[in-house]
Structure formats: C-alpha cells, structure tokens
Amino acid sequence: MLAFYRALFDWIARFEFVRLFKLLNRDQRNTFVACFLGWALDALDFFLVTFVLVPIGHDFGQSIPKVAFAITLTLMMRPVGALIFGWLGDKFGRRIPLMADIIFYSVMELLTALAPNFTVFLILRALFGIGMGGEWGLGASLAMESLPTQARGLFSGILQQGYAVGYLLAALVYWIVFPHFGWRGLFVAGALPAFLVIYIRAHVPESPVWQRQRVEQKPRLKMSIFIRQHGGLFVYAALLMTAFNYMSHGTQDLYPTYLEKQRGFGVNAKSMISIVYATGAICGGAVMGFLSQQWGRRRVIIISAAFGMLLIPIWILVPNTALLIMGGFLMQFMVQGAWGVVPVHLNELSPAEFRGTFPGLAYQLGNFRRGLRRPATSVVGGTFPHGKRRTKLRAHDGAGGSGCLSRDNFSLSDRARRARQRILVAF
C-alpha cells in the first residue's frame, strides 16, 4: 500500500498527465476526445433510467422491479450491438460505424421520451441497448489503436471513466431537468449526443492500424480459425467482463433508488451524493489506469477489487450520512479503478483482425450475463430494509425545488446547499 501512495504522489509531482498528453498529436487528441465523449454520452443516456424508476413506474402503473427490467433488457441487447457494429468496424473501419452507432442510440433515447405505454418503452430500451453495445468496442479500439504505447495505460483509465462522467452528467441532468419537465424531459435531453457526430466527421481520422491492414490487404481470419485459435482467450475475456459487470452495475445502477427508497433522500440530496461518488470513480480510473502501465494490468485489477470488497460496510451499512458519502466515493474509486484497465487490457488481448469485434463483444457478453441476474437485485433491495432498524430520514422538496434532509433533529439543508454550490464551482 505504501508503494501505491508513493507512486501516486510521484505521478502528481511530475504532472505525468501533462507530459503524456503532450505526446499526442492533434489527430490523436481529437480521436481520444471523441471516443471519450461518445462513451460518456452513451452512459448518460443509459443512467437516466436509473434515476427515475419510481416516477416511470408510477406513470405506467408498474412496480420498481418491472421497470428495472428495462435496464436488464438494455444490458441483454448490448452483445447484439457489439457484434453488429464490431463486424462493421472490422470491415469498413472504426470511424463511420461509430458515427452511425451514436446517431442510432440518440434517436432511440429521443423516442423513449415519447413512449405511449410500458410495452413500447421496453422495446425502445432494448433497441437502445443495441446502440449502447456497439459504441464501447468501436470507441475503445479506435482510441487504443491511435495512441502511443506509453500513454495507453493512463488514457485507458480516463477513457473508461467516460462511463462515470456519464453518470455524473445524468445526475446533473436529473437535478436540473426532472423537477421541471419530469422523466420524459430527461430522455429528450438524452438525444443531444447525436451532435457529436459532427465533431467526429470534421476532426477524427480513421484508425491507423485498420488503414495499414487495408493497405497490406491481409486475408481476413475465418471465424472457424478464430474460434479454434483464440476461443479460449475469448471465453476468458467474457468471463472476466462478467465479473467486472457484476462489480460495476451492482454498485451503481440501483444505488440512487436505494438512496431514495431506503435512506429517504430527496432529489437534491440524491443528486449531490451521486455527484460525489461519480467523482471518486473518475479519479480511480485515471489513477489506477496510469499505475497499470508500471505495475501491470492484472495486478492493478486484483488490488482494486480486493480493496472494494473491504469497503462494502461503509458503502451501504453505516447510519451516518457523511460516512455513507465517503464510502460511496471510495467504493467507486476502487470499482472504476479496476475498470480503468479494461480498454487497454482487452485491446492488447485481441487479435488485430478482430479488434473491432473482440473487445466489445467480450465486454457486452459480460453485461448480458450480469443482466440475467439484475431483477433479483431490485427484488432483494425491496425486501430487506436498511439495517435492523430503519434510518429515520425524511426528504422535503418544496415548490421551488430546494431540498431539505433531516434525521431526527439533524438538518442538512444549509450544508447540502453549500456542498452543492462547491461541487458546481468545481465542475
């Protein structure tokens, strides 16, 4: 652990991020920014649902577990998108399929806002899952193939934290939009990522690795040969991603609902807590991704996962609000610290001929397996109250949108407002 802190402080002292960022030329910077934003905005659209399970269920007359099944459908359809768009990425390049994918998931997000009934809502979330599944594999392969080798660890961690940034943006959008326009207004705002295509079209070049393979006209590896030569590696990658998705989705997706239903937080307090632990996730991904360049990918994954397990008690079991917030920050630091290694690790494992398909499909198959178990999470969460006695928390949201959080005689209204202002200034 001492070596961890020594390496961390040494990195900060030397401004390693600045040095590595200067290694990138204009095309590499544009490519990385586009891939990061694509993943962040994709995650934004996904996480909006997790903040509004209760009002969606109220409007459609459905229970929380039934509405949460929409998240399951999204996760289950992501391998389909990874396969379709990954195949297109291997055949036609990463750039054009990436633009098509972003437009597709943005349109599905907009149509979700117009869903007339619960059945149509579920269908649209399933179609959104296809678009979400295609983005990560294309973006990760395009970014990793464009970056210099010595910078891949750090930028892998930052790239993956586009997911946490998406969560942070979802919390901010929920905070700003939901009190005025309801859950449908959130999904209208979620269609804005379509404008990212303009930036990609104007500033992002094709993957140099894919272009080199096209010029050399290497014969494509047949699927039967790929399965025979790399099938075991692919199974390992898919199982690894299954464990990773249990870790990330299990600690994120229903946590806002837990804060609302079992801890009694209102809109403002829930948004503030979400912003804090999303910040922890962003920091963890960048730090641990950088350290993976020095310590190795697998060692960093093991360290992050082990410390995450030790943090479970202060993540959900403590009665004190301050400890709960700290536990959320530290938990997501470790969870996303492990995830920060994933883009570069999967791309390094992948055969070059299938790099558009292999990382994304392995990743999304892990999502699929995790998605099959998702309904149990909401059922169990609704069955067991917090602790042996319920925490006496009450959330008050006035007409003006201001929130007050109280526990017995302990009020957090003024403190929450000051914290919220500091967070907004910081971002």
Protein backbone atom coordinates (compact mmCIF):
# COMPACT_ATOMS: atom_id res chain seq x y z
CA MET A 1 0.00 0.00 0.00
CA LEU A 2 2.92 2.32 0.75
CA ALA A 3 4.21 1.74 -2.78
CA PHE A 4 0.78 2.73 -4.11
CA TYR A 5 0.82 6.12 -2.37
CA ARG A 6 4.46 6.71 -3.27
CA ALA A 7 3.73 6.10 -6.96
CA LEU A 8 0.59 8.24 -6.76
CA PHE A 9 2.32 11.25 -5.21
CA ASP A 10 5.31 10.87 -7.51
CA TRP A 11 2.97 10.93 -10.50
CA ILE A 12 1.20 14.06 -9.28
CA ALA A 13 4.53 15.76 -8.51
CA ARG A 14 5.79 15.17 -12.02
CA PHE A 15 2.50 16.16 -13.72
CA GLU A 16 2.64 12.91 -15.63
CA PHE A 17 -0.72 13.50 -17.26
CA VAL A 18 0.54 16.71 -18.86
CA ARG A 19 3.69 15.02 -20.15
CA LEU A 20 1.77 12.12 -21.65
CA PHE A 21 -0.88 14.40 -23.11
CA LYS A 22 1.86 16.36 -24.88
CA LEU A 23 2.94 13.14 -26.59
CA LEU A 24 -0.29 13.21 -28.58
CA ASN A 25 -0.56 14.99 -31.89
CA ARG A 26 -3.71 16.83 -32.97
CA ASP A 27 -5.34 13.81 -34.61
CA GLN A 28 -4.67 11.63 -31.57
CA ARG A 29 -6.13 14.24 -29.22
CA ASN A 30 -9.22 14.70 -31.38
CA THR A 31 -9.70 10.94 -31.60
CA PHE A 32 -9.39 10.44 -27.86
CA VAL A 33 -11.77 13.31 -27.06
CA ALA A 34 -14.37 11.96 -29.50
CA CYS A 35 -14.15 8.41 -28.13
CA PHE A 36 -14.33 9.67 -24.56
CA LEU A 37 -17.37 11.82 -25.26
CA GLY A 38 -19.06 9.04 -27.21
CA TRP A 39 -18.79 6.69 -24.24
CA ALA A 40 -19.70 9.40 -21.69
CA LEU A 41 -22.83 10.44 -23.55
CA ASP A 42 -23.78 6.81 -24.14
CA ALA A 43 -23.54 6.22 -20.37
CA LEU A 44 -25.53 9.41 -19.73
CA ASP A 45 -28.41 8.04 -21.76
CA PHE A 46 -28.23 4.67 -20.00
CA PHE A 47 -28.11 6.01 -16.45
CA LEU A 48 -31.01 8.43 -16.84
CA VAL A 49 -33.37 5.47 -16.34
CA THR A 50 -31.79 4.56 -13.02
CA PHE A 51 -32.74 7.93 -11.53
CA VAL A 52 -36.41 7.75 -12.49
CA LEU A 53 -37.51 4.16 -11.89
CA VAL A 54 -40.11 5.33 -9.37
CA PRO A 55 -41.84 8.03 -11.50
CA ILE A 56 -41.79 5.82 -14.61
CA GLY A 57 -43.41 3.04 -12.62
CA HIS A 58 -45.99 5.49 -11.31
CA ASP A 59 -46.88 6.76 -14.80
CA PHE A 60 -47.17 3.28 -16.32
CA GLY A 61 -48.66 1.62 -13.25
CA GLN A 62 -45.72 -0.77 -12.81
CA SER A 63 -43.63 -1.85 -9.82
CA ILE A 64 -39.96 -0.91 -9.46
CA PRO A 65 -38.73 -4.46 -10.29
CA LYS A 66 -40.77 -4.41 -13.50
CA VAL A 67 -39.42 -1.01 -14.53
CA ALA A 68 -35.90 -2.15 -13.61
CA PHE A 69 -36.37 -4.91 -16.19
CA ALA A 70 -35.87 -2.17 -18.80
CA ILE A 71 -32.27 -1.91 -17.58
CA THR A 72 -31.97 -5.68 -17.90
CA LEU A 73 -33.22 -5.53 -21.49
CA THR A 74 -30.68 -2.84 -22.31
CA LEU A 75 -27.84 -4.93 -20.88
CA MET A 76 -29.04 -8.11 -22.63
CA MET A 77 -29.18 -6.44 -26.04
CA ARG A 78 -25.75 -4.88 -25.82
CA PRO A 79 -23.93 -8.00 -27.17
CA VAL A 80 -26.10 -7.79 -30.29
CA GLY A 81 -24.92 -4.22 -30.87
CA ALA A 82 -21.31 -5.18 -30.15
CA LEU A 83 -21.48 -7.97 -32.73
CA ILE A 84 -23.21 -5.91 -35.44
CA PHE A 85 -21.22 -2.70 -35.10
CA GLY A 86 -18.00 -4.56 -34.29
CA TRP A 87 -18.28 -6.53 -37.53
CA LEU A 88 -18.94 -3.28 -39.40
CA GLY A 89 -15.90 -1.74 -37.67
CA ASP A 90 -13.62 -4.59 -38.76
CA LYS A 91 -14.92 -4.47 -42.31
CA PHE A 92 -15.40 -0.74 -43.00
CA GLY A 93 -13.21 0.96 -40.40
CA ARG A 94 -13.95 2.26 -36.90
CA ARG A 95 -14.97 5.83 -37.73
CA ILE A 96 -18.10 5.54 -39.92
CA PRO A 97 -19.75 2.74 -37.88
CA LEU A 98 -19.06 4.77 -34.72
CA MET A 99 -20.95 7.75 -36.14
CA ALA A 100 -23.85 5.55 -37.22
CA ASP A 101 -23.98 3.99 -33.77
CA ILE A 102 -24.11 7.34 -31.96
CA ILE A 103 -26.97 8.54 -34.17
CA PHE A 104 -28.85 5.28 -33.59
CA TYR A 105 -28.72 5.31 -29.79
CA SER A 106 -29.55 9.04 -29.68
CA VAL A 107 -32.68 8.50 -31.76
CA MET A 108 -33.75 5.61 -29.52
CA GLU A 109 -33.29 7.85 -26.49
CA LEU A 110 -35.50 10.54 -28.01
CA LEU A 111 -38.20 8.05 -28.92
CA THR A 112 -38.18 6.76 -25.33
CA ALA A 113 -39.45 10.17 -24.24
CA LEU A 114 -42.47 9.65 -26.49
CA ALA A 115 -43.31 6.09 -25.39
CA PRO A 116 -47.13 5.85 -25.10
CA ASN A 117 -47.17 2.73 -22.92
CA PHE A 118 -44.90 0.40 -20.96
CA THR A 119 -44.55 -2.18 -23.75
CA VAL A 120 -43.24 0.40 -26.23
CA PHE A 121 -40.97 1.77 -23.50
CA LEU A 122 -39.39 -1.68 -23.04
CA ILE A 123 -38.95 -2.17 -26.79
CA LEU A 124 -37.20 1.17 -27.16
CA ARG A 125 -34.88 0.43 -24.23
CA ALA A 126 -33.97 -2.88 -25.86
CA LEU A 127 -33.16 -1.09 -29.14
CA PHE A 128 -31.16 1.48 -27.21
CA GLY A 129 -29.16 -1.45 -25.80
CA ILE A 130 -28.09 -2.39 -29.34
CA GLY A 131 -26.71 1.10 -29.89
CA MET A 132 -25.04 1.24 -26.49
CA GLY A 133 -23.42 -2.15 -27.07
CA GLY A 134 -21.81 -1.01 -30.30
CA GLU A 135 -20.22 2.19 -29.03
CA TRP A 136 -17.70 0.90 -26.50
CA GLY A 137 -15.91 -1.62 -28.72
CA LEU A 138 -15.56 0.81 -31.62
CA GLY A 139 -14.51 3.74 -29.43
CA ALA A 140 -12.02 1.73 -27.37
CA SER A 141 -10.36 0.13 -30.40
CA LEU A 142 -10.19 3.45 -32.28
CA ALA A 143 -8.65 5.21 -29.27
CA MET A 144 -6.15 2.49 -28.30
CA GLU A 145 -5.03 1.98 -31.91
CA SER A 146 -4.42 5.73 -32.27
CA LEU A 147 -2.50 6.39 -29.02
CA PRO A 148 1.25 5.90 -28.41
CA THR A 149 2.08 2.78 -26.39
CA GLN A 150 3.48 4.54 -23.31
CA ALA A 151 0.31 6.63 -22.92
CA ARG A 152 -2.22 3.81 -23.21
CA GLY A 153 -2.43 2.94 -19.51
CA LEU A 154 -3.35 6.44 -18.36
CA PHE A 155 -5.67 7.18 -21.26
CA SER A 156 -7.33 3.80 -20.94
CA GLY A 157 -8.27 4.77 -17.38
CA ILE A 158 -9.53 8.17 -18.49
CA LEU A 159 -11.43 6.72 -21.44
CA GLN A 160 -13.27 4.19 -19.31
CA GLN A 161 -14.25 6.94 -16.90
CA GLY A 162 -16.36 8.38 -19.64
CA TYR A 163 -18.83 5.94 -18.08
CA ALA A 164 -18.52 7.66 -14.69
CA VAL A 165 -18.65 11.08 -16.34
CA GLY A 166 -21.86 9.93 -18.00
CA TYR A 167 -23.21 9.03 -14.57
CA LEU A 168 -22.20 12.45 -13.28
CA LEU A 169 -23.89 14.14 -16.23
CA ALA A 170 -27.01 12.02 -15.65
CA ALA A 171 -27.10 13.18 -12.02
CA LEU A 172 -26.77 16.82 -13.10
CA VAL A 173 -29.42 16.48 -15.84
CA TYR A 174 -31.76 14.75 -13.38
CA TRP A 175 -31.18 17.51 -10.86
CA ILE A 176 -31.81 20.32 -13.36
CA VAL A 177 -34.41 18.85 -15.74
CA PHE A 178 -36.52 16.41 -13.74
CA PRO A 179 -38.13 18.86 -11.27
CA HIS A 180 -39.41 20.97 -14.18
CA PHE A 181 -40.05 18.55 -17.07
CA GLY A 182 -40.40 15.11 -15.50
CA TRP A 183 -38.81 11.88 -16.67
CA ARG A 184 -39.77 12.38 -20.33
CA GLY A 185 -37.81 15.63 -20.41
CA LEU A 186 -34.72 13.70 -19.32
CA PHE A 187 -34.86 11.49 -22.39
CA VAL A 188 -35.32 14.47 -24.70
CA ALA A 189 -32.09 15.90 -23.26
CA GLY A 190 -30.52 12.46 -23.77
CA ALA A 191 -30.84 12.82 -27.55
CA LEU A 192 -28.22 15.60 -27.67
CA PRO A 193 -25.24 13.21 -28.18
CA ALA A 194 -26.22 12.99 -31.85
CA PHE A 195 -24.41 16.31 -32.39
CA LEU A 196 -21.11 14.61 -31.51
CA VAL A 197 -21.21 13.05 -34.99
CA ILE A 198 -20.48 16.47 -36.48
CA TYR A 199 -17.23 16.68 -34.49
CA ILE A 200 -16.18 13.15 -35.45
CA ARG A 201 -16.94 13.81 -39.10
CA ALA A 202 -14.83 17.00 -39.13
CA HIS A 203 -11.87 16.18 -36.85
CA VAL A 204 -11.39 12.43 -36.29
CA PRO A 205 -9.36 10.33 -38.76
CA GLU A 206 -9.67 6.59 -39.32
CA SER A 207 -7.71 4.13 -37.18
CA PRO A 208 -4.10 3.93 -38.48
CA VAL A 209 -3.96 0.22 -37.62
CA TRP A 210 -7.08 -0.55 -39.67
CA GLN A 211 -5.79 1.58 -42.57
CA ARG A 212 -2.46 -0.24 -42.51
CA GLN A 213 -4.16 -3.62 -42.60
CA ARG A 214 -6.30 -2.47 -45.50
CA VAL A 215 -3.26 -1.29 -47.49
CA GLU A 216 -1.40 -4.53 -46.80
CA GLN A 217 -4.55 -6.45 -47.86
CA LYS A 218 -4.03 -9.22 -45.34
CA PRO A 219 -6.54 -12.08 -45.71
CA ARG A 220 -9.19 -11.94 -43.00
CA LEU A 221 -9.07 -14.64 -40.39
CA LYS A 222 -12.03 -17.00 -40.82
CA MET A 223 -14.37 -17.30 -37.86
CA SER A 224 -13.75 -21.07 -37.58
CA ILE A 225 -9.98 -20.48 -37.36
CA PHE A 226 -10.51 -17.66 -34.88
CA ILE A 227 -12.59 -19.91 -32.61
CA ARG A 228 -10.01 -22.70 -32.81
CA GLN A 229 -7.01 -20.44 -32.16
CA HIS A 230 -8.49 -17.81 -29.83
CA GLY A 231 -11.71 -19.33 -28.47
CA GLY A 232 -10.26 -19.99 -25.03
CA LEU A 233 -8.94 -16.45 -24.79
CA PHE A 234 -12.34 -15.05 -25.77
CA VAL A 235 -14.12 -17.17 -23.14
CA TYR A 236 -11.65 -15.90 -20.52
CA ALA A 237 -12.27 -12.29 -21.57
CA ALA A 238 -16.07 -12.75 -21.48
CA LEU A 239 -15.95 -14.34 -18.01
CA LEU A 240 -13.67 -11.56 -16.77
CA MET A 241 -16.12 -8.96 -18.06
CA THR A 242 -18.99 -10.82 -16.39
CA ALA A 243 -17.26 -10.39 -13.03
CA PHE A 244 -16.49 -6.75 -13.81
CA ASN A 245 -20.10 -6.02 -14.71
CA TYR A 246 -21.38 -7.61 -11.51
CA MET A 247 -18.99 -5.30 -9.69
CA SER A 248 -19.88 -2.07 -11.51
CA HIS A 249 -23.61 -2.41 -12.19
CA GLY A 250 -24.14 -3.98 -8.79
CA THR A 251 -22.70 -0.90 -7.09
CA GLN A 252 -24.20 1.76 -9.38
CA ASP A 253 -27.46 1.09 -11.17
CA LEU A 254 -29.90 0.79 -8.26
CA TYR A 255 -27.89 2.86 -5.79
CA PRO A 256 -29.92 6.05 -6.49
CA THR A 257 -33.11 4.05 -5.83
CA TYR A 258 -31.57 2.73 -2.59
CA LEU A 259 -30.79 6.30 -1.53
CA GLU A 260 -34.37 7.35 -2.25
CA LYS A 261 -36.42 4.41 -1.02
CA GLN A 262 -34.37 3.06 1.89
CA ARG A 263 -32.40 6.09 3.04
CA GLY A 264 -35.13 8.66 2.36
CA PHE A 265 -33.14 11.19 0.34
CA GLY A 266 -34.87 13.68 -1.93
CA VAL A 267 -33.88 14.84 -5.42
CA ASN A 268 -31.25 17.38 -4.32
CA ALA A 269 -29.54 15.18 -1.76
CA LYS A 270 -29.58 12.15 -4.06
CA SER A 271 -28.02 14.16 -6.86
CA MET A 272 -25.34 15.57 -4.57
CA ILE A 273 -24.33 12.12 -3.29
CA SER A 274 -24.30 10.74 -6.84
CA ILE A 275 -22.00 13.53 -7.98
CA VAL A 276 -19.58 12.83 -5.13
CA TYR A 277 -19.20 9.11 -5.81
CA ALA A 278 -19.08 9.65 -9.57
CA THR A 279 -16.13 11.95 -8.91
CA GLY A 280 -14.47 9.14 -6.97
CA ALA A 281 -14.96 6.84 -9.94
CA ILE A 282 -13.30 9.31 -12.32
CA CYS A 283 -10.31 9.72 -10.02
CA GLY A 284 -9.96 5.97 -9.51
CA GLY A 285 -9.98 5.14 -13.20
CA ALA A 286 -7.32 7.69 -14.08
CA VAL A 287 -5.01 6.83 -11.16
CA MET A 288 -5.24 3.04 -11.45
CA GLY A 289 -5.07 3.13 -15.23
CA PHE A 290 -1.80 5.05 -15.00
CA LEU A 291 -0.41 2.65 -12.38
CA SER A 292 -1.24 -0.32 -14.64
CA GLN A 293 1.43 0.95 -17.03
CA GLN A 294 4.00 0.41 -14.28
CA TRP A 295 2.58 -2.45 -12.21
CA GLY A 296 0.85 -4.48 -14.91
CA ARG A 297 -2.81 -4.76 -15.85
CA ARG A 298 -3.79 -7.83 -13.81
CA ARG A 299 -2.09 -6.71 -10.59
CA VAL A 300 -3.97 -3.41 -10.59
CA ILE A 301 -7.27 -5.20 -11.21
CA ILE A 302 -6.68 -7.54 -8.24
CA ILE A 303 -5.68 -4.71 -5.88
CA SER A 304 -8.72 -2.59 -6.80
CA ALA A 305 -11.20 -5.44 -6.46
CA ALA A 306 -9.78 -6.54 -3.09
CA PHE A 307 -9.99 -3.06 -1.57
CA GLY A 308 -13.51 -2.64 -2.99
CA MET A 309 -14.71 -5.69 -1.05
CA LEU A 310 -13.28 -4.29 2.17
CA LEU A 311 -15.23 -1.04 1.65
CA ILE A 312 -18.71 -2.62 1.48
CA PRO A 313 -19.67 -1.88 5.13
CA ILE A 314 -19.16 1.90 4.89
CA TRP A 315 -20.71 1.92 1.41
CA ILE A 316 -24.22 0.87 2.49
CA LEU A 317 -24.41 -0.18 6.16
CA VAL A 318 -23.40 2.95 8.06
CA PRO A 319 -26.18 5.11 9.61
CA ASN A 320 -24.15 8.32 9.32
CA THR A 321 -24.65 10.36 6.14
CA ALA A 322 -21.07 11.65 5.99
CA LEU A 323 -19.66 8.12 6.20
CA LEU A 324 -22.15 6.97 3.56
CA ILE A 325 -20.90 9.64 1.16
CA MET A 326 -17.26 8.79 1.90
CA GLY A 327 -17.99 5.09 1.41
CA GLY A 328 -19.60 5.80 -1.96
CA PHE A 329 -16.60 7.84 -3.10
CA LEU A 330 -14.07 5.18 -2.06
CA MET A 331 -16.11 2.28 -3.42
CA GLN A 332 -16.38 3.83 -6.87
CA PHE A 333 -12.69 4.82 -6.76
CA MET A 334 -11.82 1.13 -6.48
CA VAL A 335 -14.53 -0.25 -8.76
CA GLN A 336 -13.71 2.13 -11.58
CA GLY A 337 -10.03 1.85 -10.77
CA ALA A 338 -10.25 -1.78 -11.86
CA TRP A 339 -12.36 -0.80 -14.86
CA GLY A 340 -9.81 1.78 -15.95
CA VAL A 341 -7.53 -1.04 -17.10
CA VAL A 342 -10.19 -2.73 -19.25
CA PRO A 343 -9.94 -0.81 -22.57
CA VAL A 344 -6.20 -1.28 -22.95
CA HIS A 345 -6.22 -4.82 -21.48
CA LEU A 346 -8.89 -6.16 -23.85
CA ASN A 347 -7.35 -4.45 -26.86
CA GLU A 348 -3.94 -5.92 -26.01
CA LEU A 349 -5.50 -9.38 -25.73
CA SER A 350 -7.43 -9.06 -29.01
CA PRO A 351 -6.21 -10.37 -32.38
CA ALA A 352 -5.65 -7.38 -34.67
CA GLU A 353 -8.02 -8.70 -37.35
CA PHE A 354 -10.93 -8.77 -34.89
CA ARG A 355 -10.14 -5.76 -32.72
CA GLY A 356 -13.37 -4.05 -33.69
CA THR A 357 -15.39 -7.06 -32.52
CA PHE A 358 -13.37 -8.93 -29.87
CA PRO A 359 -13.13 -6.31 -27.05
CA GLY A 360 -16.67 -5.00 -27.42
CA LEU A 361 -18.31 -8.41 -27.74
CA ALA A 362 -16.42 -9.84 -24.75
CA TYR A 363 -17.36 -6.76 -22.72
CA GLN A 364 -21.03 -6.89 -23.68
CA LEU A 365 -21.36 -10.64 -23.15
CA GLY A 366 -20.30 -9.90 -19.59
CA ASN A 367 -23.10 -7.33 -19.49
CA PHE A 368 -25.54 -9.93 -20.82
CA ARG A 369 -24.67 -12.44 -18.11
CA ARG A 370 -24.95 -9.73 -15.45
CA GLY A 371 -28.26 -8.59 -16.93
CA LEU A 372 -29.82 -12.00 -16.39
CA ARG A 373 -29.40 -11.53 -12.63
CA ARG A 374 -30.49 -7.90 -12.48
CA PRO A 375 -34.18 -8.40 -11.49
CA ALA A 376 -33.04 -10.22 -8.33
CA THR A 377 -31.18 -7.07 -7.23
CA SER A 378 -34.30 -4.91 -7.18
CA VAL A 379 -36.40 -7.66 -5.57
CA VAL A 380 -33.88 -8.24 -2.78
CA GLY A 381 -33.44 -4.50 -2.30
CA GLY A 382 -37.18 -4.07 -1.85
CA THR A 383 -37.45 -7.00 0.56
CA PHE A 384 -34.82 -6.01 3.14
CA PRO A 385 -34.91 -2.62 4.88
CA HIS A 386 -31.72 -0.79 5.77
CA GLY A 387 -30.18 -2.38 8.86
CA LYS A 388 -32.11 -3.82 11.80
CA ARG A 389 -33.97 -0.57 12.26
CA ARG A 390 -34.92 1.90 9.59
CA THR A 391 -32.94 5.10 9.44
CA LYS A 392 -35.34 7.93 10.18
CA LEU A 393 -34.74 10.14 7.21
CA ARG A 394 -37.25 12.43 5.61
CA ALA A 395 -36.83 14.31 2.34
CA HIS A 396 -38.75 17.50 1.67
CA ASP A 397 -38.85 19.07 -1.75
CA GLY A 398 -40.63 22.40 -1.93
CA ALA A 399 -42.25 24.03 -4.93
CA GLY A 400 -39.08 25.96 -5.64
CA GLY A 401 -37.04 22.77 -6.00
CA SER A 402 -34.97 23.30 -2.83
CA GLY A 403 -34.37 20.19 -0.74
CA CYS A 404 -34.06 19.55 2.98
CA LEU A 405 -32.68 16.38 4.51
CA SER A 406 -33.26 15.63 8.17
CA ARG A 407 -32.60 12.82 10.58
CA ASP A 408 -34.32 13.30 13.93
CA ASN A 409 -33.08 16.79 14.92
CA PHE A 410 -30.18 16.81 12.44
CA SER A 411 -30.76 19.05 9.40
CA LEU A 412 -28.56 19.06 6.31
CA SER A 413 -30.42 21.62 4.23
CA ASP A 414 -27.94 24.50 4.53
CA ARG A 415 -24.94 22.20 4.43
CA ALA A 416 -26.30 20.42 1.35
CA ARG A 417 -26.81 23.70 -0.46
CA ARG A 418 -23.27 24.85 0.32
CA ALA A 419 -21.84 21.49 -0.78
CA ARG A 420 -23.87 21.64 -3.97
CA GLN A 421 -22.53 25.11 -4.77
CA ARG A 422 -18.95 23.95 -4.20
CA ILE A 423 -19.49 20.97 -6.49
CA LEU A 424 -20.92 23.16 -9.25
CA VAL A 425 -17.96 25.55 -8.97
CA ALA A 426 -15.55 22.62 -9.15
CA PHE A 427 -17.09 21.30 -12.33
